[in-house]
Amino acid sequence: MSQPEDNGERPDERAFARLKAAVDRMLERLEVEADRADAERARAEAAEARTFELSELVKRFTGDEVEADRLMTRLRGLEEENAELRSRLERGRDGVDRMIARIRFLENRG
């Protein structure tokens, strides 16, 4: 007897097709993550260059190296806080992605 969803494929062919689709999705995801990492690296390098330029400008305009150092220390603190917040967002996004993956898995089992 054939099942209504049977399209002539053997169970191992269907399983292989599902596995291939899962691997393809994972490869796409890895490519996206690699692109994000490259973009993040480029942003970090640009930020370092801007920080150096800003430090020099602040020193030149304040005429007071102590005040310039205080401002730059505050700026670095804010940048670190911003990085921590971004990291929290990314961890939250990863958690949501894992939950979606579990839901999809459960849907495919049903």
Protein backbone atom coordinates (compact mmCIF):
# COMPACT_ATOMS: atom_id res chain seq x y z
CA MET A 1 0.00 0.00 0.00
CA SER A 2 1.16 3.43 -0.71
CA GLN A 3 0.80 6.33 1.66
CA PRO A 4 -0.89 9.52 0.42
CA GLU A 5 2.36 11.47 0.77
CA ASP A 6 4.34 8.73 -1.01
CA ASN A 7 5.76 10.07 -4.24
CA GLY A 8 7.70 6.99 -5.24
CA GLU A 9 10.82 7.83 -3.22
CA ARG A 10 12.28 5.33 -0.84
CA PRO A 11 12.49 6.34 2.83
CA ASP A 12 16.29 6.60 2.64
CA GLU A 13 15.99 8.95 -0.36
CA ARG A 14 13.57 11.17 1.53
CA ALA A 15 15.85 11.13 4.58
CA PHE A 16 18.84 12.02 2.40
CA ALA A 17 16.90 14.86 0.79
CA ARG A 18 15.98 16.23 4.24
CA LEU A 19 19.58 15.88 5.39
CA LYS A 20 20.85 17.65 2.27
CA ALA A 21 18.36 20.48 2.79
CA ALA A 22 19.47 20.83 6.42
CA VAL A 23 23.14 20.91 5.40
CA ASP A 24 22.38 23.49 2.70
CA ARG A 25 20.59 25.68 5.24
CA MET A 26 23.52 25.37 7.65
CA LEU A 27 26.02 26.28 4.94
CA GLU A 28 23.98 29.34 4.05
CA ARG A 29 23.87 30.31 7.69
CA LEU A 30 27.65 29.87 8.04
CA GLU A 31 28.20 32.07 4.99
CA VAL A 32 26.02 34.77 6.53
CA GLU A 33 27.94 34.49 9.81
CA ALA A 34 31.27 34.73 7.97
CA ASP A 35 30.04 37.84 6.18
CA ARG A 36 28.96 39.32 9.52
CA ALA A 37 32.37 38.54 11.04
CA ASP A 38 34.14 40.22 8.11
CA ALA A 39 31.91 43.26 8.40
CA GLU A 40 32.45 43.40 12.16
CA ARG A 41 36.22 43.20 11.71
CA ALA A 42 36.13 46.03 9.18
CA ARG A 43 33.99 48.14 11.54
CA ALA A 44 36.41 47.49 14.40
CA GLU A 45 39.39 48.56 12.31
CA ALA A 46 37.56 51.70 11.19
CA ALA A 47 36.57 52.45 14.80
CA GLU A 48 40.18 52.14 15.94
CA ALA A 49 41.29 54.58 13.26
CA ARG A 50 38.52 57.03 14.18
CA THR A 51 39.39 56.74 17.88
CA PHE A 52 43.00 57.63 17.20
CA GLU A 53 41.99 60.58 15.03
CA LEU A 54 39.47 61.74 17.61
CA SER A 55 42.04 61.49 20.38
CA GLU A 56 44.43 63.68 18.46
CA LEU A 57 41.69 66.22 17.69
CA VAL A 58 40.53 66.37 21.30
CA LYS A 59 44.09 66.97 22.49
CA ARG A 60 44.57 69.69 19.94
CA PHE A 61 41.27 71.49 20.65
CA THR A 62 41.23 71.24 24.44
CA GLY A 63 44.85 72.18 24.77
CA ASP A 64 44.73 70.16 27.98
CA GLU A 65 46.07 66.64 27.72
CA VAL A 66 44.52 65.62 31.06
CA GLU A 67 41.04 66.72 29.92
CA ALA A 68 41.58 65.03 26.56
CA ASP A 69 42.57 61.78 28.32
CA ARG A 70 39.48 62.00 30.57
CA LEU A 71 37.20 62.47 27.56
CA MET A 72 38.84 59.63 25.66
CA THR A 73 38.57 57.33 28.70
CA ARG A 74 34.87 58.12 28.94
CA LEU A 75 34.47 57.49 25.22
CA ARG A 76 36.20 54.10 25.48
CA GLY A 77 33.94 53.20 28.41
CA LEU A 78 30.86 54.03 26.37
CA GLU A 79 32.18 52.04 23.42
CA GLU A 80 32.77 49.02 25.67
CA GLU A 81 29.25 49.35 27.07
CA ASN A 82 27.91 49.54 23.53
CA ALA A 83 29.86 46.40 22.58
CA GLU A 84 28.44 44.57 25.61
CA LEU A 85 24.90 45.57 24.66
CA ARG A 86 25.47 44.41 21.09
CA SER A 87 26.81 41.12 22.42
CA ARG A 88 23.70 40.65 24.56
CA LEU A 89 21.51 41.32 21.55
CA GLU A 90 23.45 38.78 19.50
CA ARG A 91 23.12 36.14 22.25
CA GLY A 92 19.40 36.86 22.40
CA ARG A 93 19.14 36.53 18.63
CA ASP A 94 21.01 33.21 18.80
CA GLY A 95 18.57 31.96 21.45
CA VAL A 96 15.63 32.90 19.26
CA ASP A 97 17.25 31.13 16.29
CA ARG A 98 17.68 27.96 18.38
CA MET A 99 14.04 28.10 19.46
CA ILE A 100 12.91 28.52 15.85
CA ALA A 101 15.08 25.56 14.84
CA ARG A 102 13.48 23.42 17.55
CA ILE A 103 10.00 24.47 16.46
CA ARG A 104 10.81 23.60 12.84
CA PHE A 105 12.20 20.26 13.94
CA LEU A 106 9.04 19.50 15.90
CA GLU A 107 6.87 20.62 12.98
CA ASN A 108 8.76 18.32 10.59
CA ARG A 109 8.29 15.36 12.92
CA GLY A 110 4.54 15.84 12.99
